[in-house]
Amino acid sequence: MQEVDQNQVIEKMQRILTGRLNQLCHNQHISLQDLSRRSGVSLSTVRKISQGRHCNVGIAVVIKLSHVFGVTPSQFVDENLLRAEDKF
């Protein structure tokens, strides 16, 4: 069984969250300020996620953000992105 490096998992999730957040904002024409206001997640946290600088995003934040975009948390953290990351 392969040993899981916790830091690698955190970095992988961070890349996925950053990419997905930016993609959804772009596709739905939602600014970071608007996302913050509508989700109740601080603008500082939203900006950090968008810039790939936030490594401790809890499920509550993912739920709040996904709700604004009209997707489920599992759609927000798209399984295809997880699989694509595994190929690198």
N, C-alpha and C. Protein backbone atom coordinates (compact mmCIF):
# COMPACT_ATOMS: atom_id res chain seq x y z
N MET A 1 0.84 -1.18 0.00
CA MET A 1 0.00 0.00 0.00
C MET A 1 0.88 1.24 0.00
N GLN A 2 0.53 2.22 -0.83
CA GLN A 2 1.33 3.43 -0.97
C GLN A 2 1.11 4.37 0.21
N GLU A 3 2.20 4.87 0.77
CA GLU A 3 2.12 5.80 1.88
C GLU A 3 1.72 7.18 1.36
N VAL A 4 0.79 7.82 2.05
CA VAL A 4 0.30 9.13 1.63
C VAL A 4 1.09 10.22 2.34
N ASP A 5 1.63 11.15 1.56
CA ASP A 5 2.33 12.30 2.10
C ASP A 5 1.29 13.40 2.31
N GLN A 6 1.04 13.74 3.55
CA GLN A 6 0.00 14.71 3.89
C GLN A 6 0.25 16.06 3.21
N ASN A 7 1.49 16.49 3.13
CA ASN A 7 1.79 17.76 2.48
C ASN A 7 1.45 17.73 1.00
N GLN A 8 1.68 16.60 0.35
CA GLN A 8 1.34 16.48 -1.07
C GLN A 8 -0.18 16.54 -1.27
N VAL A 9 -0.91 15.93 -0.37
CA VAL A 9 -2.37 15.95 -0.46
C VAL A 9 -2.87 17.38 -0.27
N ILE A 10 -2.33 18.09 0.70
CA ILE A 10 -2.73 19.48 0.95
C ILE A 10 -2.41 20.35 -0.26
N GLU A 11 -1.23 20.19 -0.82
CA GLU A 11 -0.84 20.98 -1.99
C GLU A 11 -1.75 20.67 -3.19
N LYS A 12 -2.08 19.40 -3.35
CA LYS A 12 -2.95 18.98 -4.45
C LYS A 12 -4.33 19.61 -4.29
N MET A 13 -4.90 19.54 -3.11
CA MET A 13 -6.21 20.11 -2.87
C MET A 13 -6.17 21.63 -3.04
N GLN A 14 -5.09 22.25 -2.63
CA GLN A 14 -4.94 23.69 -2.78
C GLN A 14 -4.96 24.07 -4.26
N ARG A 15 -4.23 23.33 -5.09
CA ARG A 15 -4.21 23.60 -6.53
C ARG A 15 -5.60 23.42 -7.14
N ILE A 16 -6.28 22.38 -6.72
CA ILE A 16 -7.62 22.10 -7.24
C ILE A 16 -8.60 23.19 -6.84
N LEU A 17 -8.59 23.57 -5.56
CA LEU A 17 -9.49 24.61 -5.09
C LEU A 17 -9.22 25.93 -5.79
N THR A 18 -7.95 26.28 -5.94
CA THR A 18 -7.58 27.52 -6.61
C THR A 18 -8.06 27.52 -8.06
N GLY A 19 -7.76 26.46 -8.77
CA GLY A 19 -8.17 26.38 -10.17
C GLY A 19 -9.67 26.40 -10.33
N ARG A 20 -10.36 25.65 -9.50
CA ARG A 20 -11.81 25.55 -9.62
C ARG A 20 -12.48 26.87 -9.26
N LEU A 21 -12.03 27.52 -8.20
CA LEU A 21 -12.59 28.80 -7.79
C LEU A 21 -12.43 29.82 -8.92
N ASN A 22 -11.24 29.92 -9.46
CA ASN A 22 -10.98 30.88 -10.54
C ASN A 22 -11.79 30.55 -11.79
N GLN A 23 -11.91 29.26 -12.11
CA GLN A 23 -12.69 28.84 -13.27
C GLN A 23 -14.16 29.21 -13.11
N LEU A 24 -14.73 28.91 -11.96
CA LEU A 24 -16.14 29.20 -11.73
C LEU A 24 -16.41 30.70 -11.69
N CYS A 25 -15.52 31.45 -11.07
CA CYS A 25 -15.68 32.92 -11.05
C CYS A 25 -15.67 33.46 -12.48
N HIS A 26 -14.73 32.99 -13.27
CA HIS A 26 -14.61 33.45 -14.66
C HIS A 26 -15.86 33.06 -15.46
N ASN A 27 -16.25 31.80 -15.39
CA ASN A 27 -17.37 31.30 -16.18
C ASN A 27 -18.70 31.96 -15.80
N GLN A 28 -18.85 32.28 -14.50
CA GLN A 28 -20.12 32.85 -14.04
C GLN A 28 -20.05 34.36 -13.84
N HIS A 29 -18.92 34.95 -14.22
CA HIS A 29 -18.74 36.40 -14.13
C HIS A 29 -19.00 36.92 -12.71
N ILE A 30 -18.38 36.25 -11.74
CA ILE A 30 -18.51 36.63 -10.34
C ILE A 30 -17.15 37.14 -9.86
N SER A 31 -17.12 38.34 -9.34
CA SER A 31 -15.86 38.89 -8.82
C SER A 31 -15.58 38.27 -7.45
N LEU A 32 -14.34 38.37 -7.03
CA LEU A 32 -13.99 37.85 -5.71
C LEU A 32 -14.74 38.60 -4.61
N GLN A 33 -14.92 39.90 -4.80
CA GLN A 33 -15.67 40.70 -3.83
C GLN A 33 -17.12 40.23 -3.74
N ASP A 34 -17.73 39.99 -4.89
CA ASP A 34 -19.11 39.52 -4.91
C ASP A 34 -19.22 38.13 -4.31
N LEU A 35 -18.27 37.27 -4.63
CA LEU A 35 -18.26 35.92 -4.06
C LEU A 35 -18.17 35.98 -2.54
N SER A 36 -17.32 36.84 -2.03
CA SER A 36 -17.17 37.00 -0.59
C SER A 36 -18.48 37.46 0.04
N ARG A 37 -19.07 38.48 -0.55
CA ARG A 37 -20.31 39.03 -0.01
C ARG A 37 -21.44 37.99 -0.03
N ARG A 38 -21.56 37.28 -1.14
CA ARG A 38 -22.65 36.33 -1.29
C ARG A 38 -22.45 35.05 -0.48
N SER A 39 -21.21 34.67 -0.24
CA SER A 39 -20.94 33.42 0.48
C SER A 39 -20.79 33.61 1.99
N GLY A 40 -20.42 34.82 2.40
CA GLY A 40 -20.14 35.05 3.81
C GLY A 40 -18.72 34.66 4.20
N VAL A 41 -17.90 34.30 3.22
CA VAL A 41 -16.49 33.98 3.44
C VAL A 41 -15.72 35.28 3.27
N SER A 42 -14.81 35.55 4.18
CA SER A 42 -14.10 36.83 4.13
C SER A 42 -13.38 37.02 2.81
N LEU A 43 -13.29 38.27 2.38
CA LEU A 43 -12.60 38.60 1.14
C LEU A 43 -11.15 38.16 1.21
N SER A 44 -10.55 38.30 2.36
CA SER A 44 -9.16 37.87 2.54
C SER A 44 -9.00 36.38 2.26
N THR A 45 -9.90 35.58 2.78
CA THR A 45 -9.84 34.13 2.56
C THR A 45 -10.09 33.79 1.09
N VAL A 46 -11.08 34.43 0.48
CA VAL A 46 -11.38 34.18 -0.93
C VAL A 46 -10.18 34.54 -1.79
N ARG A 47 -9.55 35.67 -1.51
CA ARG A 47 -8.36 36.08 -2.28
C ARG A 47 -7.21 35.08 -2.10
N LYS A 48 -7.01 34.63 -0.87
CA LYS A 48 -5.94 33.66 -0.62
C LYS A 48 -6.17 32.37 -1.39
N ILE A 49 -7.40 31.90 -1.41
CA ILE A 49 -7.72 30.68 -2.16
C ILE A 49 -7.47 30.93 -3.64
N SER A 50 -7.93 32.07 -4.13
CA SER A 50 -7.78 32.41 -5.55
C SER A 50 -6.32 32.49 -5.97
N GLN A 51 -5.46 32.90 -5.05
CA GLN A 51 -4.04 33.06 -5.34
C GLN A 51 -3.23 31.82 -4.97
N GLY A 52 -3.90 30.80 -4.46
CA GLY A 52 -3.21 29.57 -4.08
C GLY A 52 -2.40 29.69 -2.80
N ARG A 53 -2.76 30.64 -1.95
CA ARG A 53 -2.00 30.85 -0.72
C ARG A 53 -2.71 30.32 0.52
N HIS A 54 -3.88 29.77 0.39
CA HIS A 54 -4.63 29.31 1.56
C HIS A 54 -4.61 27.79 1.61
N CYS A 55 -4.00 27.22 2.62
CA CYS A 55 -3.85 25.76 2.64
C CYS A 55 -4.74 25.07 3.66
N ASN A 56 -5.57 25.81 4.38
CA ASN A 56 -6.40 25.19 5.40
C ASN A 56 -7.87 25.54 5.17
N VAL A 57 -8.39 25.15 4.03
CA VAL A 57 -9.77 25.43 3.69
C VAL A 57 -10.63 24.29 4.22
N GLY A 58 -11.54 24.61 5.11
CA GLY A 58 -12.41 23.60 5.68
C GLY A 58 -13.63 23.35 4.81
N ILE A 59 -14.33 22.29 5.12
CA ILE A 59 -15.51 21.90 4.36
C ILE A 59 -16.59 22.98 4.44
N ALA A 60 -16.69 23.70 5.56
CA ALA A 60 -17.69 24.76 5.69
C ALA A 60 -17.47 25.84 4.64
N VAL A 61 -16.23 26.19 4.37
CA VAL A 61 -15.91 27.20 3.35
C VAL A 61 -16.26 26.66 1.97
N VAL A 62 -15.92 25.42 1.70
CA VAL A 62 -16.24 24.80 0.40
C VAL A 62 -17.75 24.79 0.19
N ILE A 63 -18.50 24.48 1.20
CA ILE A 63 -19.97 24.45 1.10
C ILE A 63 -20.50 25.85 0.79
N LYS A 64 -20.01 26.85 1.50
CA LYS A 64 -20.47 28.22 1.27
C LYS A 64 -20.15 28.69 -0.15
N LEU A 65 -18.94 28.41 -0.61
CA LEU A 65 -18.54 28.83 -1.95
C LEU A 65 -19.33 28.08 -3.01
N SER A 66 -19.47 26.77 -2.84
CA SER A 66 -20.17 25.97 -3.85
C SER A 66 -21.62 26.41 -3.97
N HIS A 67 -22.22 26.80 -2.87
CA HIS A 67 -23.62 27.25 -2.88
C HIS A 67 -23.78 28.47 -3.79
N VAL A 68 -22.86 29.41 -3.73
CA VAL A 68 -22.92 30.61 -4.58
C VAL A 68 -22.87 30.24 -6.06
N PHE A 69 -22.04 29.26 -6.39
CA PHE A 69 -21.89 28.85 -7.78
C PHE A 69 -23.00 27.91 -8.26
N GLY A 70 -23.83 27.45 -7.33
CA GLY A 70 -24.92 26.54 -7.70
C GLY A 70 -24.45 25.13 -7.99
N VAL A 71 -23.37 24.72 -7.32
CA VAL A 71 -22.85 23.36 -7.48
C VAL A 71 -22.76 22.72 -6.09
N THR A 72 -22.69 21.41 -6.08
CA THR A 72 -22.50 20.71 -4.81
C THR A 72 -21.02 20.79 -4.42
N PRO A 73 -20.71 20.57 -3.16
CA PRO A 73 -19.30 20.56 -2.77
C PRO A 73 -18.48 19.54 -3.56
N SER A 74 -19.08 18.39 -3.87
CA SER A 74 -18.33 17.39 -4.63
C SER A 74 -18.12 17.83 -6.08
N GLN A 75 -19.03 18.63 -6.61
CA GLN A 75 -18.83 19.19 -7.95
C GLN A 75 -17.77 20.29 -7.91
N PHE A 76 -17.74 21.03 -6.80
CA PHE A 76 -16.74 22.08 -6.65
C PHE A 76 -15.34 21.47 -6.65
N VAL A 77 -15.18 20.39 -5.90
CA VAL A 77 -13.91 19.66 -5.89
C VAL A 77 -14.11 18.49 -6.85
N ASP A 78 -14.06 18.78 -8.11
CA ASP A 78 -14.37 17.86 -9.20
C ASP A 78 -13.47 16.63 -9.18
N GLU A 79 -14.08 15.45 -9.20
CA GLU A 79 -13.31 14.20 -9.19
C GLU A 79 -12.38 14.09 -10.39
N ASN A 80 -12.78 14.64 -11.53
CA ASN A 80 -11.92 14.60 -12.71
C ASN A 80 -10.62 15.37 -12.47
N LEU A 81 -10.72 16.46 -11.72
CA LEU A 81 -9.52 17.22 -11.39
C LEU A 81 -8.60 16.41 -10.48
N LEU A 82 -9.21 15.69 -9.55
CA LEU A 82 -8.40 14.84 -8.66
C LEU A 82 -7.67 13.77 -9.46
N ARG A 83 -8.36 13.15 -10.40
CA ARG A 83 -7.75 12.10 -11.22
C ARG A 83 -6.66 12.69 -12.11
N ALA A 84 -6.91 13.86 -12.68
CA ALA A 84 -5.91 14.50 -13.55
C ALA A 84 -4.66 14.83 -12.76
N GLU A 85 -4.82 15.27 -11.53
CA GLU A 85 -3.67 15.58 -10.66
C GLU A 85 -2.86 14.32 -10.38
N ASP A 86 -3.54 13.18 -10.27
CA ASP A 86 -2.84 11.94 -9.98
C ASP A 86 -1.90 11.49 -11.11
N LYS A 87 -2.14 11.99 -12.32
CA LYS A 87 -1.34 11.60 -13.47
C LYS A 87 -0.01 12.32 -13.52
N PHE A 88 0.16 13.35 -12.72
CA PHE A 88 1.41 14.14 -12.75
C PHE A 88 2.44 13.60 -11.80
